[in-house]
């Protein structure tokens, strides 16, 4: 199993969540490719932890659909599953739309400006073909409403599906970068500034639900 070249989180002992995020991110970025066999001992050596938190992380990743465990045999990175990408987009669209609905009464000009800055960052990242920056910028844009929604359960539930979506975007970035969503983000910002909840929610839903083809034929951030 090739070990990812990126350095692990610089801590002597990692919390189990740190182990989970490290392995998850390596899968999402394609450093651990679909079908790759995952060995507890090698992952533990990479992250400088015992097998226990590695096994716990792999169980969580299996629940999220990123890892396939064959009892008594081996654990592998899950292959691409176009149906899972579509299902994840549907859930993400509903949850992000709900977050926008809850957040909008609280959003002010500072929030709109923060969304605008994230959208500018996204546009630049796409122009530079910088997938890490593009995904970080897209996350930053949507994080504004998530943070202001007042519902901490929404990000928790999004965690399960977002990794599936982001992996599809990493694996198909050549398709993603040509059809990304800065323009639609701009329309959302306009609706936020106008205090138009129905339009802001509808646009947010469309921004996610219309993009179900990433990992199927083509896609978008």
N, C-alpha and C. Protein backbone atom coordinates (compact mmCIF):
# COMPACT_ATOMS: atom_id res chain seq x y z
N UNK A 1 0.85 -1.20 0.00
CA UNK A 1 0.00 0.00 0.00
C UNK A 1 0.88 1.24 0.00
N UNK A 2 0.79 2.12 -1.00
CA UNK A 2 1.60 3.35 -0.99
C UNK A 2 1.10 4.29 0.09
N UNK A 3 2.04 4.79 0.89
CA UNK A 3 1.69 5.71 1.96
C UNK A 3 1.62 7.12 1.40
N UNK A 4 0.58 7.92 1.74
CA UNK A 4 0.49 9.29 1.23
C UNK A 4 1.74 10.09 1.56
N UNK A 5 2.12 10.94 0.63
CA UNK A 5 3.35 11.70 0.80
C UNK A 5 3.18 12.88 1.74
N UNK A 6 1.94 13.30 1.99
CA UNK A 6 1.72 14.43 2.88
C UNK A 6 2.02 14.02 4.31
N UNK A 7 2.54 14.97 5.08
CA UNK A 7 2.88 14.67 6.47
C UNK A 7 1.63 14.56 7.32
N UNK A 8 1.66 13.67 8.33
CA UNK A 8 0.52 13.59 9.23
C UNK A 8 0.41 14.82 10.10
N UNK A 9 -0.70 14.94 10.80
CA UNK A 9 -0.90 16.07 11.70
C UNK A 9 0.23 16.09 12.72
N UNK A 10 0.93 17.22 12.93
CA UNK A 10 2.12 17.25 13.78
C UNK A 10 1.79 17.22 15.27
N UNK A 11 1.40 16.04 15.77
CA UNK A 11 1.16 15.86 17.19
C UNK A 11 1.76 14.51 17.57
N UNK A 12 2.21 14.40 18.83
CA UNK A 12 2.78 13.14 19.29
C UNK A 12 1.70 12.07 19.35
N UNK A 13 0.53 12.43 19.84
CA UNK A 13 -0.57 11.50 19.91
C UNK A 13 -1.79 12.16 19.27
N UNK A 14 -2.40 11.47 18.35
CA UNK A 14 -3.54 12.01 17.66
C UNK A 14 -4.82 11.53 18.31
N UNK A 15 -5.77 12.41 18.43
CA UNK A 15 -7.09 12.02 18.86
C UNK A 15 -7.71 11.15 17.79
N UNK A 16 -8.68 10.34 18.18
CA UNK A 16 -9.29 9.44 17.19
C UNK A 16 -9.91 10.21 16.04
N UNK A 17 -10.43 11.42 16.30
CA UNK A 17 -10.99 12.22 15.22
C UNK A 17 -9.92 12.68 14.25
N UNK A 18 -8.72 12.95 14.76
CA UNK A 18 -7.61 13.35 13.89
C UNK A 18 -7.20 12.20 12.98
N UNK A 19 -7.19 10.98 13.53
CA UNK A 19 -6.85 9.80 12.73
C UNK A 19 -7.89 9.62 11.63
N UNK A 20 -9.16 9.72 12.01
CA UNK A 20 -10.24 9.60 11.04
C UNK A 20 -10.10 10.63 9.93
N UNK A 21 -9.86 11.90 10.29
CA UNK A 21 -9.76 12.95 9.28
C UNK A 21 -8.55 12.75 8.37
N UNK A 22 -7.45 12.27 8.93
CA UNK A 22 -6.25 12.06 8.12
C UNK A 22 -6.47 10.99 7.05
N UNK A 23 -7.07 9.87 7.46
CA UNK A 23 -7.32 8.80 6.50
C UNK A 23 -8.41 9.22 5.53
N UNK A 24 -9.46 9.85 6.05
CA UNK A 24 -10.54 10.33 5.17
C UNK A 24 -10.00 11.26 4.11
N UNK A 25 -9.17 12.23 4.50
CA UNK A 25 -8.67 13.21 3.54
C UNK A 25 -7.76 12.55 2.50
N UNK A 26 -6.99 11.53 2.91
CA UNK A 26 -6.14 10.82 1.95
C UNK A 26 -6.99 10.09 0.91
N UNK A 27 -8.14 9.56 1.35
CA UNK A 27 -9.06 8.90 0.41
C UNK A 27 -9.73 9.93 -0.48
N UNK A 28 -10.21 11.02 0.11
CA UNK A 28 -10.90 12.05 -0.65
C UNK A 28 -9.99 12.63 -1.73
N UNK A 29 -8.73 12.86 -1.40
CA UNK A 29 -7.78 13.47 -2.35
C UNK A 29 -7.22 12.46 -3.35
N UNK A 30 -7.59 11.20 -3.21
CA UNK A 30 -7.09 10.19 -4.14
C UNK A 30 -5.70 9.69 -3.83
N UNK A 31 -5.12 10.12 -2.69
CA UNK A 31 -3.82 9.60 -2.30
C UNK A 31 -3.92 8.11 -1.96
N UNK A 32 -5.06 7.73 -1.43
CA UNK A 32 -5.42 6.32 -1.27
C UNK A 32 -6.51 6.06 -2.31
N UNK A 33 -6.17 5.36 -3.37
CA UNK A 33 -7.03 5.26 -4.54
C UNK A 33 -8.13 4.22 -4.36
N UNK A 34 -9.21 4.34 -5.12
CA UNK A 34 -10.26 3.32 -5.09
C UNK A 34 -9.67 1.93 -5.33
N UNK A 35 -10.07 0.98 -4.48
CA UNK A 35 -9.57 -0.38 -4.57
C UNK A 35 -8.31 -0.64 -3.78
N UNK A 36 -7.66 0.43 -3.29
CA UNK A 36 -6.42 0.27 -2.54
C UNK A 36 -6.66 -0.49 -1.24
N UNK A 37 -5.80 -1.47 -0.96
CA UNK A 37 -5.91 -2.21 0.29
C UNK A 37 -5.38 -1.36 1.44
N UNK A 38 -6.09 -1.38 2.55
CA UNK A 38 -5.72 -0.59 3.73
C UNK A 38 -5.27 -1.53 4.83
N UNK A 39 -4.07 -1.33 5.32
CA UNK A 39 -3.52 -2.18 6.37
C UNK A 39 -3.37 -1.37 7.66
N UNK A 40 -3.93 -1.88 8.73
CA UNK A 40 -3.89 -1.17 10.01
C UNK A 40 -2.47 -0.78 10.40
N UNK A 41 -1.56 -1.72 10.26
CA UNK A 41 -0.19 -1.49 10.72
C UNK A 41 0.48 -0.36 9.94
N UNK A 42 0.29 -0.36 8.63
CA UNK A 42 0.92 0.68 7.81
C UNK A 42 0.31 2.05 8.08
N UNK A 43 -1.01 2.10 8.22
CA UNK A 43 -1.67 3.38 8.54
C UNK A 43 -1.25 3.87 9.92
N UNK A 44 -1.13 2.95 10.87
CA UNK A 44 -0.69 3.33 12.21
C UNK A 44 0.73 3.88 12.21
N UNK A 45 1.62 3.26 11.40
CA UNK A 45 2.99 3.75 11.32
C UNK A 45 3.03 5.14 10.70
N UNK A 46 2.21 5.36 9.67
CA UNK A 46 2.15 6.68 9.03
C UNK A 46 1.69 7.75 10.01
N UNK A 47 0.65 7.44 10.79
CA UNK A 47 0.07 8.43 11.70
C UNK A 47 0.67 8.38 13.10
N UNK A 48 1.57 7.42 13.33
CA UNK A 48 2.25 7.29 14.62
C UNK A 48 1.25 7.04 15.75
N UNK A 49 0.37 6.11 15.50
CA UNK A 49 -0.62 5.73 16.51
C UNK A 49 -0.74 4.20 16.53
N UNK A 50 -1.43 3.69 17.54
CA UNK A 50 -1.67 2.26 17.62
C UNK A 50 -2.75 1.84 16.63
N UNK A 51 -2.99 0.54 16.53
CA UNK A 51 -3.99 0.05 15.60
C UNK A 51 -5.42 0.41 16.02
N UNK A 52 -5.64 0.61 17.32
CA UNK A 52 -7.01 0.82 17.79
C UNK A 52 -7.68 2.04 17.16
N UNK A 53 -7.09 3.24 17.21
CA UNK A 53 -7.76 4.38 16.57
C UNK A 53 -7.85 4.23 15.05
N UNK A 54 -6.91 3.50 14.44
CA UNK A 54 -6.99 3.26 13.00
C UNK A 54 -8.20 2.40 12.69
N UNK A 55 -8.40 1.34 13.44
CA UNK A 55 -9.55 0.47 13.22
C UNK A 55 -10.86 1.21 13.44
N UNK A 56 -10.90 2.06 14.48
CA UNK A 56 -12.11 2.86 14.73
C UNK A 56 -12.38 3.80 13.55
N UNK A 57 -11.32 4.40 13.03
CA UNK A 57 -11.47 5.31 11.88
C UNK A 57 -11.98 4.56 10.66
N UNK A 58 -11.45 3.38 10.41
CA UNK A 58 -11.88 2.60 9.25
C UNK A 58 -13.34 2.17 9.38
N UNK A 59 -13.79 1.90 10.60
CA UNK A 59 -15.20 1.58 10.81
C UNK A 59 -16.09 2.77 10.46
N UNK A 60 -15.67 3.95 10.89
CA UNK A 60 -16.43 5.17 10.56
C UNK A 60 -16.44 5.41 9.06
N UNK A 61 -15.31 5.19 8.43
CA UNK A 61 -15.22 5.41 6.98
C UNK A 61 -16.06 4.39 6.22
N UNK A 62 -16.19 3.19 6.76
CA UNK A 62 -17.06 2.19 6.14
C UNK A 62 -18.51 2.63 6.22
N UNK A 63 -18.90 3.21 7.35
CA UNK A 63 -20.26 3.72 7.51
C UNK A 63 -20.54 4.86 6.53
N UNK A 64 -19.51 5.64 6.23
CA UNK A 64 -19.65 6.75 5.28
C UNK A 64 -19.56 6.30 3.83
N UNK A 65 -19.27 5.01 3.61
CA UNK A 65 -19.21 4.49 2.26
C UNK A 65 -17.88 4.70 1.55
N UNK A 66 -16.85 5.12 2.28
CA UNK A 66 -15.54 5.36 1.65
C UNK A 66 -14.62 4.15 1.74
N UNK A 67 -14.98 3.21 2.60
CA UNK A 67 -14.17 2.02 2.81
C UNK A 67 -15.07 0.80 2.74
N UNK A 68 -14.54 -0.27 2.16
CA UNK A 68 -15.27 -1.54 2.11
C UNK A 68 -14.50 -2.56 2.92
N UNK A 69 -15.13 -3.10 3.94
CA UNK A 69 -14.50 -4.10 4.79
C UNK A 69 -15.03 -5.47 4.44
N UNK A 70 -14.12 -6.39 4.16
CA UNK A 70 -14.48 -7.78 3.89
C UNK A 70 -14.12 -8.59 5.13
N UNK A 71 -15.12 -8.99 5.93
CA UNK A 71 -14.85 -9.67 7.21
C UNK A 71 -13.90 -10.85 7.05
N UNK A 72 -12.86 -10.83 7.89
CA UNK A 72 -11.90 -11.92 7.88
C UNK A 72 -10.92 -11.89 6.73
N UNK A 73 -11.03 -10.88 5.85
CA UNK A 73 -10.14 -10.84 4.69
C UNK A 73 -9.34 -9.54 4.65
N UNK A 74 -9.92 -8.47 4.15
CA UNK A 74 -9.16 -7.23 4.00
C UNK A 74 -10.10 -6.03 3.96
N UNK A 75 -9.50 -4.86 4.09
CA UNK A 75 -10.23 -3.61 3.98
C UNK A 75 -9.66 -2.83 2.81
N UNK A 76 -10.54 -2.30 1.97
CA UNK A 76 -10.11 -1.55 0.80
C UNK A 76 -10.82 -0.20 0.72
N UNK A 77 -10.18 0.73 0.00
CA UNK A 77 -10.87 1.97 -0.34
C UNK A 77 -12.03 1.61 -1.27
N UNK A 78 -13.20 2.13 -0.98
CA UNK A 78 -14.38 1.80 -1.78
C UNK A 78 -14.21 2.28 -3.21
N UNK A 79 -14.68 1.51 -4.18
CA UNK A 79 -14.66 1.98 -5.57
C UNK A 79 -15.64 3.12 -5.75
N UNK A 80 -15.49 3.84 -6.85
CA UNK A 80 -16.45 4.90 -7.15
C UNK A 80 -17.85 4.30 -7.31
N UNK A 81 -18.83 5.00 -6.77
CA UNK A 81 -20.21 4.55 -6.83
C UNK A 81 -21.08 5.72 -7.28
N UNK A 82 -21.37 5.82 -8.58
CA UNK A 82 -22.16 6.95 -9.08
C UNK A 82 -23.49 7.12 -8.36
N UNK A 83 -24.14 6.01 -8.02
CA UNK A 83 -25.41 6.11 -7.31
C UNK A 83 -25.25 6.75 -5.95
N UNK A 84 -24.14 6.44 -5.26
CA UNK A 84 -23.89 7.03 -3.94
C UNK A 84 -23.65 8.53 -4.06
N UNK A 85 -22.99 8.95 -5.15
CA UNK A 85 -22.75 10.38 -5.37
C UNK A 85 -24.07 11.12 -5.56
N UNK A 86 -24.96 10.54 -6.35
CA UNK A 86 -26.27 11.14 -6.57
C UNK A 86 -27.03 11.25 -5.26
N UNK A 87 -27.05 10.17 -4.49
CA UNK A 87 -27.77 10.18 -3.21
C UNK A 87 -27.17 11.21 -2.25
N UNK A 88 -25.84 11.31 -2.24
CA UNK A 88 -25.18 12.27 -1.36
C UNK A 88 -25.53 13.70 -1.74
N UNK A 89 -25.60 13.98 -3.05
CA UNK A 89 -25.97 15.32 -3.51
C UNK A 89 -27.40 15.67 -3.07
N UNK A 90 -28.29 14.70 -3.15
CA UNK A 90 -29.67 14.96 -2.76
C UNK A 90 -29.77 15.33 -1.29
N UNK A 91 -29.04 14.60 -0.46
CA UNK A 91 -29.05 14.91 0.98
C UNK A 91 -28.38 16.25 1.25
N UNK A 92 -27.24 16.48 0.60
CA UNK A 92 -26.52 17.75 0.80
C UNK A 92 -27.38 18.93 0.39
N UNK A 93 -28.11 18.81 -0.71
CA UNK A 93 -28.96 19.90 -1.19
C UNK A 93 -30.01 20.26 -0.15
N UNK A 94 -30.64 19.27 0.42
CA UNK A 94 -31.69 19.52 1.42
C UNK A 94 -31.11 20.14 2.69
N UNK A 95 -29.98 19.63 3.15
CA UNK A 95 -29.41 20.14 4.40
C UNK A 95 -28.85 21.55 4.24
N UNK A 96 -28.19 21.82 3.10
CA UNK A 96 -27.68 23.18 2.89
C UNK A 96 -28.83 24.17 2.70
N UNK A 97 -29.89 23.74 2.05
CA UNK A 97 -31.06 24.62 1.90
C UNK A 97 -31.69 24.91 3.26
N UNK A 98 -31.76 23.90 4.11
CA UNK A 98 -32.29 24.11 5.47
C UNK A 98 -31.41 25.08 6.24
N UNK A 99 -30.10 24.91 6.13
CA UNK A 99 -29.18 25.82 6.83
C UNK A 99 -29.38 27.26 6.36
N UNK A 100 -29.56 27.45 5.06
CA UNK A 100 -29.80 28.80 4.55
C UNK A 100 -31.12 29.36 5.07
N UNK A 101 -32.16 28.52 5.10
CA UNK A 101 -33.47 28.96 5.61
C UNK A 101 -33.36 29.43 7.05
N UNK A 102 -32.63 28.69 7.88
CA UNK A 102 -32.49 29.04 9.29
C UNK A 102 -31.56 30.24 9.48
N UNK A 103 -30.55 30.35 8.62
CA UNK A 103 -29.53 31.38 8.80
C UNK A 103 -29.96 32.75 8.29
N UNK A 104 -30.78 32.79 7.25
CA UNK A 104 -31.02 34.04 6.55
C UNK A 104 -31.48 35.19 7.45
N UNK A 105 -32.38 34.97 8.41
CA UNK A 105 -32.77 36.10 9.25
C UNK A 105 -31.62 36.70 10.05
N UNK A 106 -30.54 35.93 10.21
CA UNK A 106 -29.40 36.39 11.01
C UNK A 106 -28.26 36.93 10.15
N UNK A 107 -28.30 36.69 8.86
CA UNK A 107 -27.19 37.09 8.01
C UNK A 107 -27.18 38.60 7.80
N UNK A 108 -26.01 39.21 7.92
CA UNK A 108 -25.88 40.65 7.74
C UNK A 108 -24.86 40.93 6.64
N UNK A 109 -24.51 42.19 6.48
CA UNK A 109 -23.59 42.58 5.41
C UNK A 109 -22.21 41.96 5.61
N UNK A 110 -21.78 41.81 6.86
CA UNK A 110 -20.50 41.17 7.11
C UNK A 110 -20.50 39.72 6.60
N UNK A 111 -21.62 39.03 6.82
CA UNK A 111 -21.73 37.66 6.34
C UNK A 111 -21.74 37.62 4.81
N UNK A 112 -22.48 38.55 4.20
CA UNK A 112 -22.52 38.60 2.74
C UNK A 112 -21.13 38.89 2.17
N UNK A 113 -20.40 39.76 2.83
CA UNK A 113 -19.04 40.07 2.38
C UNK A 113 -18.12 38.87 2.53
N UNK A 114 -18.33 38.10 3.60
CA UNK A 114 -17.52 36.89 3.79
C UNK A 114 -17.81 35.87 2.69
N UNK A 115 -19.08 35.73 2.33
CA UNK A 115 -19.45 34.84 1.24
C UNK A 115 -18.85 35.33 -0.08
N UNK A 116 -18.85 36.63 -0.28
CA UNK A 116 -18.31 37.21 -1.51
C UNK A 116 -16.82 36.96 -1.62
N UNK A 117 -16.12 37.12 -0.49
CA UNK A 117 -14.67 36.88 -0.49
C UNK A 117 -14.37 35.41 -0.81
N UNK A 118 -15.16 34.51 -0.24
CA UNK A 118 -14.98 33.08 -0.52
C UNK A 118 -15.25 32.77 -1.98
N UNK A 119 -16.24 33.45 -2.55
CA UNK A 119 -16.57 33.21 -3.95
C UNK A 119 -15.48 33.75 -4.88
N UNK A 120 -14.90 34.88 -4.52
CA UNK A 120 -13.76 35.41 -5.29
C UNK A 120 -12.59 34.43 -5.25
N UNK A 121 -12.36 33.87 -4.07
CA UNK A 121 -11.30 32.89 -3.88
C UNK A 121 -11.57 31.65 -4.76
N UNK A 122 -12.83 31.23 -4.79
CA UNK A 122 -13.20 30.08 -5.62
C UNK A 122 -12.92 30.36 -7.10
N UNK A 123 -13.30 31.54 -7.56
CA UNK A 123 -13.09 31.88 -8.97
C UNK A 123 -11.60 31.85 -9.32
N UNK A 124 -10.79 32.42 -8.43
CA UNK A 124 -9.34 32.43 -8.66
C UNK A 124 -8.77 31.02 -8.66
N UNK A 125 -9.22 30.20 -7.71
CA UNK A 125 -8.72 28.82 -7.61
C UNK A 125 -9.07 28.02 -8.86
N UNK A 126 -10.27 28.21 -9.37
CA UNK A 126 -10.68 27.49 -10.57
C UNK A 126 -9.86 27.96 -11.77
N UNK A 127 -9.61 29.26 -11.85
CA UNK A 127 -8.79 29.78 -12.95
C UNK A 127 -7.37 29.22 -12.90
N UNK A 128 -6.88 28.97 -11.67
CA UNK A 128 -5.53 28.44 -11.48
C UNK A 128 -5.49 26.91 -11.49
N UNK A 129 -6.66 26.28 -11.67
CA UNK A 129 -6.76 24.82 -11.62
C UNK A 129 -6.22 24.26 -10.31
N UNK A 130 -6.50 24.97 -9.22
CA UNK A 130 -6.05 24.58 -7.88
C UNK A 130 -7.22 23.93 -7.15
N UNK A 131 -7.29 22.61 -7.21
CA UNK A 131 -8.45 21.92 -6.65
C UNK A 131 -8.54 22.05 -5.14
N UNK A 132 -7.39 22.01 -4.44
CA UNK A 132 -7.43 22.15 -2.98
C UNK A 132 -8.04 23.49 -2.59
N UNK A 133 -7.59 24.54 -3.25
CA UNK A 133 -8.10 25.87 -2.94
C UNK A 133 -9.55 26.01 -3.36
N UNK A 134 -9.93 25.41 -4.49
CA UNK A 134 -11.31 25.52 -4.98
C UNK A 134 -12.28 24.88 -3.99
N UNK A 135 -11.94 23.70 -3.51
CA UNK A 135 -12.82 23.01 -2.57
C UNK A 135 -12.83 23.73 -1.23
N UNK A 136 -11.69 24.23 -0.79
CA UNK A 136 -11.65 24.99 0.46
C UNK A 136 -12.50 26.25 0.35
N UNK A 137 -12.44 26.91 -0.80
CA UNK A 137 -13.22 28.13 -1.01
C UNK A 137 -14.71 27.83 -1.05
N UNK A 138 -15.08 26.76 -1.71
CA UNK A 138 -16.49 26.37 -1.77
C UNK A 138 -17.01 26.03 -0.38
N UNK A 139 -16.19 25.31 0.39
CA UNK A 139 -16.57 25.02 1.78
C UNK A 139 -16.74 26.31 2.59
N UNK A 140 -15.81 27.26 2.40
CA UNK A 140 -15.88 28.52 3.14
C UNK A 140 -17.15 29.29 2.80
N UNK A 141 -17.54 29.26 1.53
CA UNK A 141 -18.75 29.96 1.11
C UNK A 141 -19.97 29.41 1.84
N UNK A 142 -20.14 28.10 1.82
CA UNK A 142 -21.32 27.49 2.42
C UNK A 142 -21.25 27.45 3.95
N UNK A 143 -20.03 27.54 4.49
CA UNK A 143 -19.87 27.51 5.93
C UNK A 143 -20.52 28.70 6.61
N UNK A 144 -20.64 29.81 5.89
CA UNK A 144 -21.25 31.01 6.48
C UNK A 144 -22.68 30.70 6.94
N UNK A 145 -23.48 30.14 6.06
CA UNK A 145 -24.86 29.80 6.42
C UNK A 145 -24.90 28.68 7.44
N UNK A 146 -24.03 27.70 7.29
CA UNK A 146 -24.00 26.60 8.26
C UNK A 146 -23.73 27.10 9.66
N UNK A 147 -22.76 28.01 9.78
CA UNK A 147 -22.40 28.54 11.09
C UNK A 147 -23.51 29.39 11.69
N UNK A 148 -24.23 30.10 10.84
CA UNK A 148 -25.27 31.02 11.32
C UNK A 148 -26.63 30.36 11.45
N UNK A 149 -26.74 29.09 11.06
CA UNK A 149 -28.04 28.41 11.10
C UNK A 149 -28.51 28.14 12.53
N UNK A 150 -27.54 27.99 13.44
CA UNK A 150 -27.91 27.70 14.82
C UNK A 150 -28.24 26.24 15.06
N UNK A 151 -28.07 25.39 14.05
CA UNK A 151 -28.38 23.97 14.19
C UNK A 151 -27.10 23.17 14.00
N UNK A 152 -26.53 22.73 15.12
CA UNK A 152 -25.25 22.02 15.07
C UNK A 152 -25.37 20.63 14.48
N UNK A 153 -26.57 20.10 14.36
CA UNK A 153 -26.74 18.77 13.80
C UNK A 153 -26.57 18.74 12.28
N UNK A 154 -26.79 19.89 11.63
CA UNK A 154 -26.68 19.91 10.17
C UNK A 154 -25.25 19.60 9.72
N UNK A 155 -24.22 20.27 10.25
CA UNK A 155 -22.86 19.89 9.83
C UNK A 155 -22.51 18.45 10.18
N UNK A 156 -23.02 17.95 11.30
CA UNK A 156 -22.74 16.57 11.68
C UNK A 156 -23.28 15.60 10.64
N UNK A 157 -24.49 15.86 10.16
CA UNK A 157 -25.09 14.98 9.16
C UNK A 157 -24.44 15.18 7.78
N UNK A 158 -24.01 16.39 7.49
CA UNK A 158 -23.33 16.63 6.22
C UNK A 158 -21.98 15.92 6.15
N UNK A 159 -21.35 15.72 7.29
CA UNK A 159 -20.05 15.05 7.32
C UNK A 159 -20.11 13.70 6.62
N UNK A 160 -21.20 12.99 6.77
CA UNK A 160 -21.32 11.65 6.21
C UNK A 160 -21.32 11.67 4.69
N UNK A 161 -21.94 12.70 4.10
CA UNK A 161 -22.08 12.72 2.63
C UNK A 161 -21.06 13.61 1.94
N UNK A 162 -20.53 14.61 2.63
CA UNK A 162 -19.64 15.56 1.97
C UNK A 162 -18.36 14.90 1.49
N UNK A 163 -17.82 13.96 2.26
CA UNK A 163 -16.58 13.30 1.84
C UNK A 163 -16.77 12.56 0.52
N UNK A 164 -17.93 11.93 0.34
CA UNK A 164 -18.22 11.25 -0.92
C UNK A 164 -18.23 12.23 -2.08
N UNK A 165 -18.84 13.39 -1.86
CA UNK A 165 -18.91 14.40 -2.92
C UNK A 165 -17.54 14.97 -3.24
N UNK A 166 -16.77 15.27 -2.21
CA UNK A 166 -15.46 15.86 -2.44
C UNK A 166 -14.52 14.87 -3.12
N UNK A 167 -14.63 13.60 -2.81
CA UNK A 167 -13.78 12.63 -3.49
C UNK A 167 -14.10 12.60 -4.98
N UNK A 168 -15.39 12.64 -5.32
CA UNK A 168 -15.77 12.66 -6.73
C UNK A 168 -15.19 13.89 -7.43
N UNK A 169 -15.17 15.01 -6.73
CA UNK A 169 -14.65 16.24 -7.32
C UNK A 169 -13.13 16.16 -7.53
N UNK A 170 -12.42 15.56 -6.55
CA UNK A 170 -10.98 15.37 -6.74
C UNK A 170 -10.69 14.43 -7.89
N UNK A 171 -11.45 13.35 -7.99
CA UNK A 171 -11.20 12.36 -9.03
C UNK A 171 -11.56 12.87 -10.42
N UNK A 172 -12.43 13.89 -10.49
CA UNK A 172 -12.92 14.36 -11.79
C UNK A 172 -12.75 15.88 -11.91
N UNK A 173 -11.64 16.40 -11.43
CA UNK A 173 -11.50 17.85 -11.40
C UNK A 173 -11.46 18.47 -12.78
N UNK A 174 -10.96 17.76 -13.77
CA UNK A 174 -10.96 18.32 -15.12
C UNK A 174 -12.38 18.63 -15.59
N UNK A 175 -13.33 17.84 -15.14
CA UNK A 175 -14.73 18.13 -15.45
C UNK A 175 -15.28 19.22 -14.56
N UNK A 176 -14.87 19.17 -13.27
CA UNK A 176 -15.38 20.12 -12.29
C UNK A 176 -15.03 21.56 -12.64
N UNK A 177 -13.75 21.78 -12.99
CA UNK A 177 -13.27 23.16 -13.10
C UNK A 177 -13.93 23.92 -14.25
N UNK A 178 -14.47 23.20 -15.23
CA UNK A 178 -15.10 23.88 -16.35
C UNK A 178 -16.54 24.26 -16.12
N UNK A 179 -17.14 23.74 -15.02
CA UNK A 179 -18.55 23.98 -14.82
C UNK A 179 -18.85 24.29 -13.36
N UNK A 180 -18.01 25.09 -12.76
CA UNK A 180 -18.17 25.38 -11.33
C UNK A 180 -19.18 26.49 -11.12
N UNK A 181 -19.41 26.86 -9.85
CA UNK A 181 -20.60 27.64 -9.53
C UNK A 181 -20.39 29.05 -8.99
N UNK A 182 -19.30 29.77 -9.28
CA UNK A 182 -19.19 31.13 -8.77
C UNK A 182 -20.36 32.03 -9.17
N UNK A 183 -20.88 31.87 -10.40
CA UNK A 183 -21.99 32.71 -10.83
C UNK A 183 -23.24 32.45 -9.99
N UNK A 184 -23.51 31.20 -9.72
CA UNK A 184 -24.68 30.88 -8.90
C UNK A 184 -24.47 31.33 -7.46
N UNK A 185 -23.25 31.21 -6.98
CA UNK A 185 -22.94 31.74 -5.65
C UNK A 185 -23.24 33.23 -5.59
N UNK A 186 -22.88 33.95 -6.66
CA UNK A 186 -23.16 35.38 -6.71
C UNK A 186 -24.64 35.67 -6.62
N UNK A 187 -25.45 34.85 -7.24
CA UNK A 187 -26.90 35.02 -7.16
C UNK A 187 -27.40 34.77 -5.74
N UNK A 188 -26.81 33.80 -5.06
CA UNK A 188 -27.17 33.55 -3.66
C UNK A 188 -26.85 34.76 -2.80
N UNK A 189 -25.67 35.34 -3.02
CA UNK A 189 -25.27 36.52 -2.25
C UNK A 189 -26.24 37.67 -2.48
N UNK A 190 -26.65 37.86 -3.73
CA UNK A 190 -27.63 38.91 -4.04
C UNK A 190 -28.93 38.68 -3.29
N UNK A 191 -29.39 37.44 -3.25
CA UNK A 191 -30.62 37.11 -2.53
C UNK A 191 -30.47 37.33 -1.03
N UNK A 192 -29.30 37.01 -0.50
CA UNK A 192 -29.04 37.25 0.93
C UNK A 192 -29.10 38.73 1.23
N UNK A 193 -28.45 39.54 0.41
CA UNK A 193 -28.45 40.99 0.64
C UNK A 193 -29.85 41.59 0.49
N UNK A 194 -30.67 40.96 -0.37
CA UNK A 194 -32.04 41.45 -0.56
C UNK A 194 -32.98 40.94 0.52
N UNK A 195 -32.49 40.04 1.38
CA UNK A 195 -33.35 39.47 2.41
C UNK A 195 -34.47 38.62 1.82
N UNK A 196 -34.17 37.93 0.72
CA UNK A 196 -35.17 37.12 0.02
C UNK A 196 -34.95 35.65 0.37
N UNK A 197 -35.63 35.14 1.41
CA UNK A 197 -35.36 33.78 1.86
C UNK A 197 -35.71 32.71 0.84
N UNK A 198 -36.84 32.87 0.16
CA UNK A 198 -37.26 31.84 -0.78
C UNK A 198 -36.25 31.69 -1.91
N UNK A 199 -35.77 32.82 -2.45
CA UNK A 199 -34.81 32.74 -3.55
C UNK A 199 -33.46 32.21 -3.06
N UNK A 200 -33.02 32.67 -1.90
CA UNK A 200 -31.73 32.21 -1.37
C UNK A 200 -31.76 30.71 -1.11
N UNK A 201 -32.86 30.22 -0.55
CA UNK A 201 -32.99 28.79 -0.27
C UNK A 201 -33.06 28.00 -1.56
N UNK A 202 -33.87 28.48 -2.51
CA UNK A 202 -34.02 27.79 -3.79
C UNK A 202 -32.70 27.71 -4.54
N UNK A 203 -31.96 28.80 -4.57
CA UNK A 203 -30.68 28.82 -5.26
C UNK A 203 -29.67 27.90 -4.58
N UNK A 204 -29.69 27.87 -3.25
CA UNK A 204 -28.78 26.99 -2.51
C UNK A 204 -29.09 25.54 -2.83
N UNK A 205 -30.37 25.20 -2.85
CA UNK A 205 -30.78 23.84 -3.19
C UNK A 205 -30.35 23.48 -4.60
N UNK A 206 -30.55 24.39 -5.53
CA UNK A 206 -30.16 24.14 -6.92
C UNK A 206 -28.64 23.98 -7.04
N UNK A 207 -27.92 24.77 -6.27
CA UNK A 207 -26.46 24.75 -6.33
C UNK A 207 -25.90 23.36 -6.01
N UNK A 208 -26.60 22.63 -5.15
CA UNK A 208 -26.17 21.28 -4.80
C UNK A 208 -26.91 20.21 -5.61
N UNK A 209 -28.22 20.31 -5.72
CA UNK A 209 -28.98 19.21 -6.32
C UNK A 209 -28.79 19.10 -7.82
N UNK A 210 -28.44 20.18 -8.49
CA UNK A 210 -28.25 20.13 -9.95
C UNK A 210 -26.90 19.55 -10.33
N UNK A 211 -26.09 19.20 -9.35
CA UNK A 211 -24.72 18.78 -9.62
C UNK A 211 -24.52 17.30 -9.37
N UNK A 212 -25.56 16.51 -9.54
CA UNK A 212 -25.49 15.10 -9.22
C UNK A 212 -24.68 14.29 -10.22
N UNK A 213 -24.17 14.92 -11.26
CA UNK A 213 -23.45 14.14 -12.26
C UNK A 213 -21.96 14.05 -12.00
N UNK A 214 -21.44 14.66 -10.93
CA UNK A 214 -20.03 14.48 -10.60
C UNK A 214 -19.80 13.02 -10.25
N UNK A 215 -18.82 12.40 -10.87
CA UNK A 215 -18.54 11.01 -10.62
C UNK A 215 -19.44 10.08 -11.41
N UNK A 216 -20.38 10.65 -12.19
CA UNK A 216 -21.23 9.84 -13.04
C UNK A 216 -20.78 10.01 -14.49
N UNK A 217 -20.97 11.20 -15.02
CA UNK A 217 -20.46 11.52 -16.35
C UNK A 217 -19.59 12.76 -16.33
N UNK A 218 -20.02 13.78 -15.55
CA UNK A 218 -19.36 15.07 -15.55
C UNK A 218 -19.69 15.72 -14.22
N UNK A 219 -19.26 16.98 -13.96
CA UNK A 219 -19.59 17.51 -12.66
C UNK A 219 -19.23 18.95 -12.41
N UNK A 220 -19.33 19.35 -11.13
CA UNK A 220 -19.21 20.73 -10.72
C UNK A 220 -18.85 20.80 -9.25
N UNK A 221 -18.28 21.92 -8.85
CA UNK A 221 -18.07 22.16 -7.43
C UNK A 221 -19.38 22.63 -6.84
